[in-house]
Amino acid sequence: MVSISTLFNCAAADVTLERVRDLVSQAEPEGLTLEYKRGPTPKIALSVAAMANTYGGIILVGITDGTSGDRLVGISERDMTAVASSIYDSLEPPWEPELIPVQLEDKDGRYVLVIRVDHTVAPRPVLIKGAAWIRLQGRNSIADRSRLQELFTETPFTTRPESNLVSPINIQERRPDGSVEYDFVMRTGLVLPLGDSAKWRPFSEQVIDSLLEVLEASLLRVLPEPWPKQFSLKWDQFERYGFNRSRNAKAALKFKGPGSNVSLIESIVEVKAPELYGVVPGTLLFTLDIIGRIREYQAAAGCEQGDSESWRLQIGDLQAILKGLITLTGNPGVVSCLAKLAGIDPVRVGQLRKVDFQTGLPVTELLDTRGLELIPDSVLSRGTGGMFVDPSLDLNDPFERHEQIDCWLNQLALDAGLLGMERVLAQMKPREAGN
């Protein structure tokens, strides 16, 4: 089985006749992101403009109407040239989508022309004779005044931070009891495109349960490193709470011990898709928060805090937590569940793009600063709003993952007015591949 999203996102060299034939044989009807054309026609350029102004899509030229028989009749090289010229000459400003010719083996000199319209790179609005067309279900229509205004005033998709990044931390919205007592919060997540099959359906309870099971098992392995060694603690199970709807699921996992209802470490996970009826949603949002409350836990449990250095967050603790977040978001089980919820191929679930870090105390009071030097008169910092991933790094590679984590730690220290983090990291025990 080949989906539209698979054909749209694979490399041009992988757009094969077999994949085109499989898609057509499934009798996939024309819709928001798919259209068939038998041969050259001015309507192709109009559909390109409409898809570019809406959600993008694929136009297959050289396909007959109907649902049975061999629908791949193909077009000639001359026809392909005519289609390409018509598109370029008709669009304002001049713009050409990706054109991929797929040769028909049993029809000499005939091709199916695959036109891939990526709305994220199109110079929106794309006009034809001064009119902005948009794509509706199975047809094209001229944009009304409000939609036209949106197209002219929108920020280019490729530079919109919300298009591929999780939202900043707002801890008051993330706590089930409304309390804001914490030492630190780390947030990361993924923004996934929604496939056609997932744009209207509710979340599967079984898939959400499977996602929570995978996260719970992974958290037990990667997150208890920093502080549990100091206390007798245990994990509770993930429990749903708060705003759970057909397209929104939220759950919390708490790590606490005897004598206190306060969680030393808490993880909050949320999966969310838009619920705007009448509007086609485009993305699924997955967020993962890690909350630490060492001081609050000690006070509630009646523990002795001891000297001021005993409870401070060690640099090695931060390394372990950051590594845990990367490991969790790249876990094959997590990726598989998120792909099912989004209705896309797992290969389209990319690596995380950003980690946010917010502290209750100034970073200089939370972090163990031994070996670091505070810059005089530096402004107090309560975290870093955006620790971005270097796009040239593969977080699945152990060495590149360590390189990224060290870069984040250096950013965190410099933002807090602390010098010497690179030296401290260099002096720490060398890490082996896979750790």
Protein backbone atom coordinates (compact mmCIF):
# COMPACT_ATOMS: atom_id res chain seq x y z
CA MET A 1 0.00 0.00 0.00
CA VAL A 2 1.26 3.46 -0.96
CA SER A 3 -0.27 6.56 0.62
CA ILE A 4 -0.30 10.07 -0.81
CA SER A 5 1.99 11.17 2.02
CA THR A 6 4.51 8.46 1.15
CA LEU A 7 4.60 9.50 -2.49
CA PHE A 8 4.86 13.14 -1.50
CA ASN A 9 7.73 12.75 0.95
CA CYS A 10 10.00 10.16 -0.61
CA ALA A 11 13.02 11.26 -2.63
CA ALA A 12 12.41 12.00 -6.30
CA ALA A 13 14.47 8.93 -7.28
CA ASP A 14 12.09 6.80 -5.18
CA VAL A 15 8.96 7.98 -7.01
CA THR A 16 8.76 4.78 -9.03
CA LEU A 17 6.21 3.41 -11.46
CA GLU A 18 5.35 0.71 -8.93
CA ARG A 19 4.48 3.30 -6.30
CA VAL A 20 2.40 5.36 -8.72
CA ARG A 21 0.57 2.26 -9.92
CA ASP A 22 -0.11 1.12 -6.35
CA LEU A 23 -1.59 4.51 -5.43
CA VAL A 24 -3.82 4.61 -8.50
CA SER A 25 -4.91 0.96 -8.08
CA GLN A 26 -6.19 1.78 -4.61
CA ALA A 27 -8.82 3.93 -6.33
CA GLU A 28 -7.87 6.82 -4.10
CA PRO A 29 -10.47 9.54 -4.86
CA GLU A 30 -9.53 13.08 -5.71
CA GLY A 31 -9.54 15.31 -2.66
CA LEU A 32 -7.77 18.14 -0.93
CA THR A 33 -4.29 16.90 -1.78
CA LEU A 34 -4.72 14.61 -4.79
CA GLU A 35 -5.84 15.17 -8.37
CA TYR A 36 -5.69 13.15 -11.60
CA LYS A 37 -5.41 14.56 -15.13
CA ARG A 38 -5.43 12.60 -18.38
CA GLY A 39 -3.35 15.11 -20.32
CA PRO A 40 -2.25 18.73 -20.65
CA THR A 41 -4.90 21.27 -19.69
CA PRO A 42 -4.86 24.83 -18.30
CA LYS A 43 -6.63 23.46 -15.22
CA ILE A 44 -3.35 21.88 -14.09
CA ALA A 45 -1.79 25.28 -13.42
CA LEU A 46 -4.93 26.33 -11.58
CA SER A 47 -4.75 23.24 -9.35
CA VAL A 48 -1.06 23.88 -8.67
CA ALA A 49 -1.90 27.41 -7.49
CA ALA A 50 -4.81 26.18 -5.38
CA MET A 51 -2.74 23.49 -3.67
CA ALA A 52 0.14 25.91 -3.13
CA ASN A 53 -2.25 28.31 -1.37
CA THR A 54 -3.74 25.58 0.80
CA TYR A 55 -2.17 22.31 2.01
CA GLY A 56 -0.03 21.27 -0.93
CA GLY A 57 -0.59 18.00 -2.76
CA ILE A 58 0.07 15.78 -5.76
CA ILE A 59 -1.24 15.99 -9.31
CA LEU A 60 -0.78 12.90 -11.50
CA VAL A 61 -0.89 13.68 -15.21
CA GLY A 62 -1.42 10.73 -17.57
CA ILE A 63 -4.16 9.03 -15.53
CA THR A 64 -7.68 8.35 -16.83
CA ASP A 65 -10.87 8.69 -14.83
CA GLY A 66 -12.58 5.66 -13.38
CA THR A 67 -11.79 3.07 -10.75
CA SER A 68 -11.02 -0.06 -12.77
CA GLY A 69 -8.70 -1.21 -15.54
CA ASP A 70 -5.30 0.18 -16.39
CA ARG A 71 -5.72 3.88 -15.73
CA LEU A 72 -2.06 4.74 -16.53
CA VAL A 73 -2.21 5.94 -20.14
CA GLY A 74 0.70 8.37 -19.87
CA ILE A 75 1.65 11.48 -21.82
CA SER A 76 4.49 12.23 -24.24
CA GLU A 77 7.67 14.21 -23.56
CA ARG A 78 6.21 17.03 -25.64
CA ASP A 79 3.11 17.07 -23.45
CA MET A 80 5.28 17.20 -20.31
CA THR A 81 7.11 20.21 -21.68
CA ALA A 82 3.79 21.87 -22.43
CA VAL A 83 2.56 21.25 -18.88
CA ALA A 84 5.75 22.66 -17.35
CA SER A 85 5.60 25.77 -19.56
CA SER A 86 1.93 26.33 -18.81
CA ILE A 87 2.53 26.18 -15.08
CA TYR A 88 5.48 28.56 -15.16
CA ASP A 89 3.77 31.04 -17.51
CA SER A 90 0.46 31.04 -15.61
CA LEU A 91 1.60 31.48 -12.01
CA GLU A 92 2.20 34.89 -10.44
CA PRO A 93 4.92 35.20 -9.31
CA PRO A 94 6.51 32.67 -11.69
CA TRP A 95 7.05 29.47 -9.73
CA GLU A 96 7.48 25.83 -10.64
CA PRO A 97 6.58 22.90 -8.39
CA GLU A 98 8.59 19.68 -8.44
CA LEU A 99 8.00 17.77 -11.70
CA ILE A 100 8.94 14.08 -11.70
CA PRO A 101 8.52 12.06 -14.93
CA VAL A 102 7.87 8.34 -14.39
CA GLN A 103 8.28 6.29 -17.56
CA LEU A 104 5.72 3.61 -18.42
CA GLU A 105 7.60 0.44 -19.23
CA ASP A 106 4.91 -1.05 -21.48
CA LYS A 107 4.14 2.16 -23.38
CA ASP A 108 7.13 3.40 -25.37
CA GLY A 109 7.78 7.10 -24.93
CA ARG A 110 4.91 7.61 -22.48
CA TYR A 111 5.21 8.98 -18.96
CA VAL A 112 3.15 9.72 -15.89
CA LEU A 113 4.08 13.21 -14.73
CA VAL A 114 4.07 13.50 -10.94
CA ILE A 115 3.64 17.13 -9.85
CA ARG A 116 4.46 17.66 -6.19
CA VAL A 117 3.21 20.96 -4.78
CA ASP A 118 4.94 21.84 -1.50
CA HIS A 119 2.96 24.65 0.12
CA THR A 120 5.79 25.31 2.61
CA VAL A 121 8.10 26.63 -0.12
CA ALA A 122 5.57 28.23 -2.47
CA PRO A 123 5.65 32.06 -2.64
CA ARG A 124 2.12 32.42 -1.20
CA PRO A 125 -0.20 33.74 -2.38
CA VAL A 126 0.24 32.16 -5.78
CA LEU A 127 -2.03 33.96 -8.24
CA ILE A 128 -3.46 33.24 -11.69
CA LYS A 129 -4.62 36.33 -13.57
CA GLY A 130 -4.70 38.23 -10.30
CA ALA A 131 -6.91 35.71 -8.47
CA ALA A 132 -5.86 33.50 -5.56
CA TRP A 133 -7.30 30.00 -5.86
CA ILE A 134 -7.57 27.63 -2.91
CA ARG A 135 -8.21 23.91 -2.69
CA LEU A 136 -11.48 22.57 -1.31
CA GLN A 137 -12.59 18.94 -1.15
CA GLY A 138 -12.10 17.71 -4.71
CA ARG A 139 -12.37 21.13 -6.36
CA ASN A 140 -10.78 24.55 -6.62
CA SER A 141 -12.33 27.86 -5.63
CA ILE A 142 -11.32 31.53 -5.56
CA ALA A 143 -10.30 32.64 -2.07
CA ASP A 144 -12.74 34.95 -0.31
CA ARG A 145 -11.61 38.29 1.06
CA SER A 146 -10.64 37.05 4.53
CA ARG A 147 -8.64 34.10 3.19
CA LEU A 148 -6.92 36.34 0.66
CA GLN A 149 -5.92 38.73 3.44
CA GLU A 150 -4.47 35.81 5.42
CA LEU A 151 -2.39 34.72 2.44
CA PHE A 152 -0.94 38.19 1.97
CA THR A 153 -0.19 38.83 5.64
CA GLU A 154 1.00 35.41 6.83
CA THR A 155 4.58 34.81 7.87
CA PRO A 156 6.38 32.51 5.40
CA PHE A 157 5.82 28.93 6.52
CA THR A 158 9.48 28.01 6.52
CA THR A 159 10.25 30.71 9.11
CA ARG A 160 7.26 30.24 11.37
CA PRO A 161 8.60 28.91 14.68
CA GLU A 162 5.29 27.26 15.54
CA SER A 163 5.39 25.22 12.33
CA ASN A 164 7.98 22.81 13.65
CA LEU A 165 8.70 23.64 17.30
CA VAL A 166 6.89 22.92 20.54
CA SER A 167 5.50 25.86 22.49
CA PRO A 168 7.50 27.55 25.27
CA ILE A 169 7.09 26.47 28.88
CA ASN A 170 4.18 27.85 30.88
CA ILE A 171 4.36 25.81 34.04
CA GLN A 172 1.05 27.08 35.43
CA GLU A 173 -0.67 25.38 32.53
CA ARG A 174 1.30 22.19 32.96
CA ARG A 175 0.64 21.35 36.66
CA PRO A 176 -2.43 19.32 37.66
CA ASP A 177 -2.67 20.92 41.15
CA GLY A 178 -1.89 24.50 40.15
CA SER A 179 1.30 24.65 42.24
CA VAL A 180 4.35 26.40 40.83
CA GLU A 181 6.89 25.10 43.35
CA TYR A 182 9.65 23.43 41.36
CA ASP A 183 13.40 23.55 40.88
CA PHE A 184 13.43 23.08 37.13
CA VAL A 185 11.29 22.13 34.17
CA MET A 186 12.58 20.72 30.89
CA ARG A 187 10.35 20.54 27.86
CA THR A 188 10.82 19.02 24.47
CA GLY A 189 8.57 17.45 21.90
CA LEU A 190 7.77 16.88 18.27
CA VAL A 191 5.47 18.49 15.73
CA LEU A 192 4.23 15.98 13.14
CA PRO A 193 2.31 16.56 9.91
CA LEU A 194 -1.12 14.96 9.87
CA GLY A 195 -1.82 12.46 7.15
CA ASP A 196 -5.15 12.52 5.34
CA SER A 197 -6.43 9.51 7.28
CA ALA A 198 -5.85 11.24 10.65
CA LYS A 199 -7.19 14.72 9.95
CA TRP A 200 -10.68 13.99 11.26
CA ARG A 201 -10.57 10.78 13.27
CA PRO A 202 -10.30 10.61 17.08
CA PHE A 203 -7.22 9.25 18.79
CA SER A 204 -7.07 5.51 19.27
CA GLU A 205 -7.24 4.62 22.97
CA GLN A 206 -5.07 1.57 22.35
CA VAL A 207 -2.36 3.60 20.61
CA ILE A 208 -2.36 6.22 23.42
CA ASP A 209 -2.11 3.44 26.02
CA SER A 210 0.77 1.87 24.09
CA LEU A 211 2.54 5.24 23.88
CA LEU A 212 2.25 5.73 27.66
CA GLU A 213 3.51 2.19 28.30
CA VAL A 214 6.59 2.77 26.13
CA LEU A 215 7.28 6.15 27.76
CA GLU A 216 6.84 4.71 31.24
CA ALA A 217 9.26 1.85 30.61
CA SER A 218 11.78 4.23 29.06
CA LEU A 219 11.54 6.79 31.87
CA LEU A 220 12.32 4.07 34.40
CA ARG A 221 15.61 3.48 32.58
CA VAL A 222 16.77 6.94 31.62
CA LEU A 223 15.47 9.51 34.09
CA PRO A 224 16.00 8.26 37.69
CA GLU A 225 19.76 8.79 37.46
CA PRO A 226 20.28 12.13 39.27
CA TRP A 227 18.48 12.05 42.63
CA PRO A 228 16.76 8.76 43.46
CA LYS A 229 20.02 7.43 44.83
CA GLN A 230 19.53 9.82 47.76
CA PHE A 231 16.02 8.67 48.66
CA SER A 232 13.79 5.61 48.77
CA LEU A 233 11.49 6.35 45.88
CA LYS A 234 9.20 4.64 43.42
CA TRP A 235 7.46 5.51 40.18
CA ASP A 236 3.69 5.63 39.99
CA GLN A 237 2.04 4.64 36.74
CA PHE A 238 1.05 7.13 34.08
CA GLU A 239 -2.38 8.51 34.91
CA ARG A 240 -4.48 10.64 32.63
CA TYR A 241 -5.76 13.92 34.00
CA GLY A 242 -7.14 17.27 32.95
CA PHE A 243 -8.10 18.00 29.38
CA ASN A 244 -8.60 14.63 27.69
CA ARG A 245 -10.76 14.72 24.59
CA SER A 246 -11.11 12.76 21.37
CA ARG A 247 -8.06 14.56 19.91
CA ASN A 248 -6.22 15.49 23.11
CA ALA A 249 -4.60 13.21 25.67
CA LYS A 250 -2.67 14.30 28.76
CA ALA A 251 -1.06 12.13 31.43
CA ALA A 252 1.38 12.43 34.36
CA LEU A 253 3.95 10.03 35.79
CA LYS A 254 5.19 10.79 39.31
CA PHE A 255 8.28 9.64 41.19
CA LYS A 256 7.78 9.88 44.95
CA GLY A 257 8.57 8.06 48.16
CA PRO A 258 7.07 7.22 51.56
CA GLY A 259 6.01 10.06 53.82
CA SER A 260 5.35 12.60 51.08
CA ASN A 261 2.78 13.17 48.37
CA VAL A 262 5.15 15.54 46.62
CA SER A 263 6.83 14.21 43.50
CA LEU A 264 10.60 14.48 43.36
CA ILE A 265 10.46 14.05 39.59
CA GLU A 266 7.32 14.26 37.50
CA SER A 267 6.82 13.72 33.81
CA ILE A 268 3.87 15.20 31.94
CA VAL A 269 3.10 14.11 28.41
CA GLU A 270 0.51 15.56 26.06
CA VAL A 271 -0.57 14.60 22.55
CA LYS A 272 -2.79 17.10 20.79
CA ALA A 273 -4.38 17.61 17.39
CA PRO A 274 -6.59 20.59 16.47
CA GLU A 275 -10.33 20.20 17.03
CA LEU A 276 -11.51 23.04 14.82
CA TYR A 277 -14.53 21.72 12.97
CA GLY A 278 -14.68 22.87 9.36
CA VAL A 279 -10.93 23.55 9.27
CA VAL A 280 -8.44 20.95 8.10
CA PRO A 281 -5.80 20.61 10.83
CA GLY A 282 -2.22 20.31 9.72
CA THR A 283 -0.10 19.11 12.65
CA LEU A 284 -0.04 16.85 15.69
CA LEU A 285 1.77 18.16 18.77
CA PHE A 286 3.61 15.90 21.22
CA THR A 287 5.14 17.53 24.30
CA LEU A 288 7.12 15.97 27.13
CA ASP A 289 7.89 17.86 30.35
CA ILE A 290 10.27 16.76 33.11
CA ILE A 291 9.71 18.58 36.43
CA GLY A 292 12.14 18.41 39.37
CA ARG A 293 11.26 19.46 42.96
CA ILE A 294 14.13 18.42 45.22
CA ARG A 295 13.68 21.22 47.79
CA GLU A 296 9.92 20.88 48.00
CA TYR A 297 10.23 17.11 48.35
CA GLN A 298 12.76 17.39 51.16
CA ALA A 299 10.58 19.83 53.08
CA ALA A 300 7.42 17.71 52.69
CA ALA A 301 9.21 14.49 53.59
CA GLY A 302 10.96 16.04 56.61
CA CYS A 303 14.41 15.36 55.20
CA GLU A 304 17.47 17.27 56.29
CA GLN A 305 18.63 19.51 53.49
CA GLY A 306 22.18 19.56 54.79
CA ASP A 307 24.75 21.90 53.34
CA SER A 308 23.74 24.02 50.39
CA GLU A 309 25.78 21.95 47.93
CA SER A 310 24.25 18.57 48.74
CA TRP A 311 21.05 18.96 46.74
CA ARG A 312 22.27 21.10 43.88
CA LEU A 313 21.87 19.85 40.36
CA GLN A 314 25.14 18.37 39.13
CA ILE A 315 26.35 18.87 35.58
CA GLY A 316 26.29 15.11 35.19
CA ASP A 317 22.62 15.15 36.27
CA LEU A 318 21.81 17.58 33.50
CA GLN A 319 23.65 15.43 30.99
CA ALA A 320 21.60 12.40 32.04
CA ILE A 321 18.27 14.21 31.78
CA LEU A 322 19.06 15.74 28.39
CA LYS A 323 20.20 12.39 27.10
CA GLY A 324 16.99 10.87 28.45
CA LEU A 325 14.85 13.36 26.57
CA ILE A 326 16.69 12.67 23.32
CA THR A 327 16.43 8.92 23.86
CA LEU A 328 12.72 9.10 24.63
CA THR A 329 11.75 11.14 21.58
CA GLY A 330 13.77 8.83 19.34
CA ASN A 331 12.54 5.58 20.90
CA PRO A 332 11.21 3.34 18.07
CA GLY A 333 8.11 2.51 20.10
CA VAL A 334 7.35 6.19 20.69
CA VAL A 335 7.97 6.99 17.02
CA SER A 336 5.68 4.16 15.91
CA CYS A 337 2.82 5.27 18.18
CA LEU A 338 3.08 8.91 17.17
CA ALA A 339 3.17 7.95 13.48
CA LYS A 340 -0.03 5.92 13.92
CA LEU A 341 -1.77 8.83 15.65
CA ALA A 342 -0.66 11.23 12.91
CA GLY A 343 -1.45 8.81 10.08
CA ILE A 344 2.02 9.06 8.54
CA ASP A 345 4.97 6.81 7.80
CA PRO A 346 7.35 6.54 10.81
CA VAL A 347 10.20 7.82 8.62
CA ARG A 348 8.50 11.23 8.66
CA VAL A 349 8.81 11.53 12.45
CA GLY A 350 11.96 13.59 12.70
CA GLN A 351 14.25 14.18 15.65
CA LEU A 352 13.51 16.79 18.27
CA ARG A 353 14.32 20.37 17.34
CA LYS A 354 14.51 22.18 20.68
CA VAL A 355 14.68 21.79 24.46
CA ASP A 356 13.44 24.48 26.84
CA PHE A 357 14.84 24.75 30.38
CA GLN A 358 13.23 26.87 33.11
CA THR A 359 14.27 27.07 36.76
CA GLY A 360 12.50 28.17 39.94
CA LEU A 361 15.75 29.49 41.42
CA PRO A 362 18.37 31.40 39.45
CA VAL A 363 20.53 28.92 37.56
CA THR A 364 23.56 29.95 39.64
CA GLU A 365 21.73 28.81 42.81
CA LEU A 366 20.31 25.59 41.37
CA LEU A 367 23.40 24.32 39.55
CA ASP A 368 26.52 23.01 41.25
CA THR A 369 28.89 25.74 40.07
CA ARG A 370 32.13 24.25 41.32
CA GLY A 371 34.69 24.70 38.58
CA LEU A 372 32.68 27.54 37.04
CA GLU A 373 33.28 31.27 37.38
CA LEU A 374 30.49 33.83 37.71
CA ILE A 375 30.86 36.95 35.59
CA PRO A 376 30.59 40.00 37.91
CA ASP A 377 27.33 42.00 37.61
CA SER A 378 25.79 39.40 35.30
CA VAL A 379 22.00 39.30 35.11
CA LEU A 380 20.32 36.45 36.99
CA SER A 381 19.05 33.75 34.66
CA ARG A 382 16.19 31.35 35.26
CA GLY A 383 16.91 29.07 32.36
CA THR A 384 17.18 29.11 28.61
CA GLY A 385 14.10 29.50 26.44
CA GLY A 386 15.41 27.69 23.40
CA MET A 387 18.26 25.18 23.24
CA PHE A 388 18.08 24.32 19.54
CA VAL A 389 19.41 21.22 17.85
CA ASP A 390 22.20 21.70 15.33
CA PRO A 391 20.52 20.44 12.13
CA SER A 392 23.84 19.00 10.94
CA LEU A 393 23.93 16.56 13.88
CA ASP A 394 22.31 13.14 13.98
CA LEU A 395 21.06 12.60 17.54
CA ASN A 396 20.95 8.84 16.97
CA ASP A 397 24.75 8.85 16.73
CA PRO A 398 26.23 8.61 20.28
CA PHE A 399 29.13 10.97 19.61
CA GLU A 400 27.02 13.58 17.85
CA ARG A 401 24.42 13.31 20.62
CA HIS A 402 27.11 14.02 23.23
CA GLU A 403 28.34 16.93 21.15
CA GLN A 404 24.85 18.43 21.10
CA ILE A 405 24.33 17.97 24.85
CA ASP A 406 27.67 19.62 25.64
CA CYS A 407 26.70 22.51 23.36
CA TRP A 408 23.45 22.94 25.28
CA LEU A 409 25.23 22.87 28.65
CA ASN A 410 27.67 25.52 27.48
CA GLN A 411 24.76 27.67 26.25
CA LEU A 412 22.98 27.27 29.59
CA ALA A 413 26.09 28.30 31.54
CA LEU A 414 26.88 31.32 29.36
CA ASP A 415 23.28 32.53 29.52
CA ALA A 416 23.57 32.37 33.32
CA GLY A 417 26.83 34.35 33.29
CA LEU A 418 29.01 31.35 34.10
CA LEU A 419 32.39 30.71 32.46
CA GLY A 420 34.35 27.48 32.36
CA MET A 421 31.70 24.94 31.29
CA GLU A 422 33.78 23.74 28.34
CA ARG A 423 36.72 23.14 30.67
CA VAL A 424 34.56 21.26 33.20
CA LEU A 425 33.09 19.05 30.49
CA ALA A 426 36.56 18.29 29.13
CA GLN A 427 37.71 17.21 32.62
CA MET A 428 34.78 14.87 33.18
CA LYS A 429 35.24 11.16 32.62
CA PRO A 430 35.35 10.40 28.87
CA ARG A 431 32.11 8.94 27.71
CA GLU A 432 31.99 5.78 25.69
CA ALA A 433 29.99 5.39 22.54
CA GLY A 434 26.43 4.39 23.35
CA ASN A 435 26.39 6.04 26.78
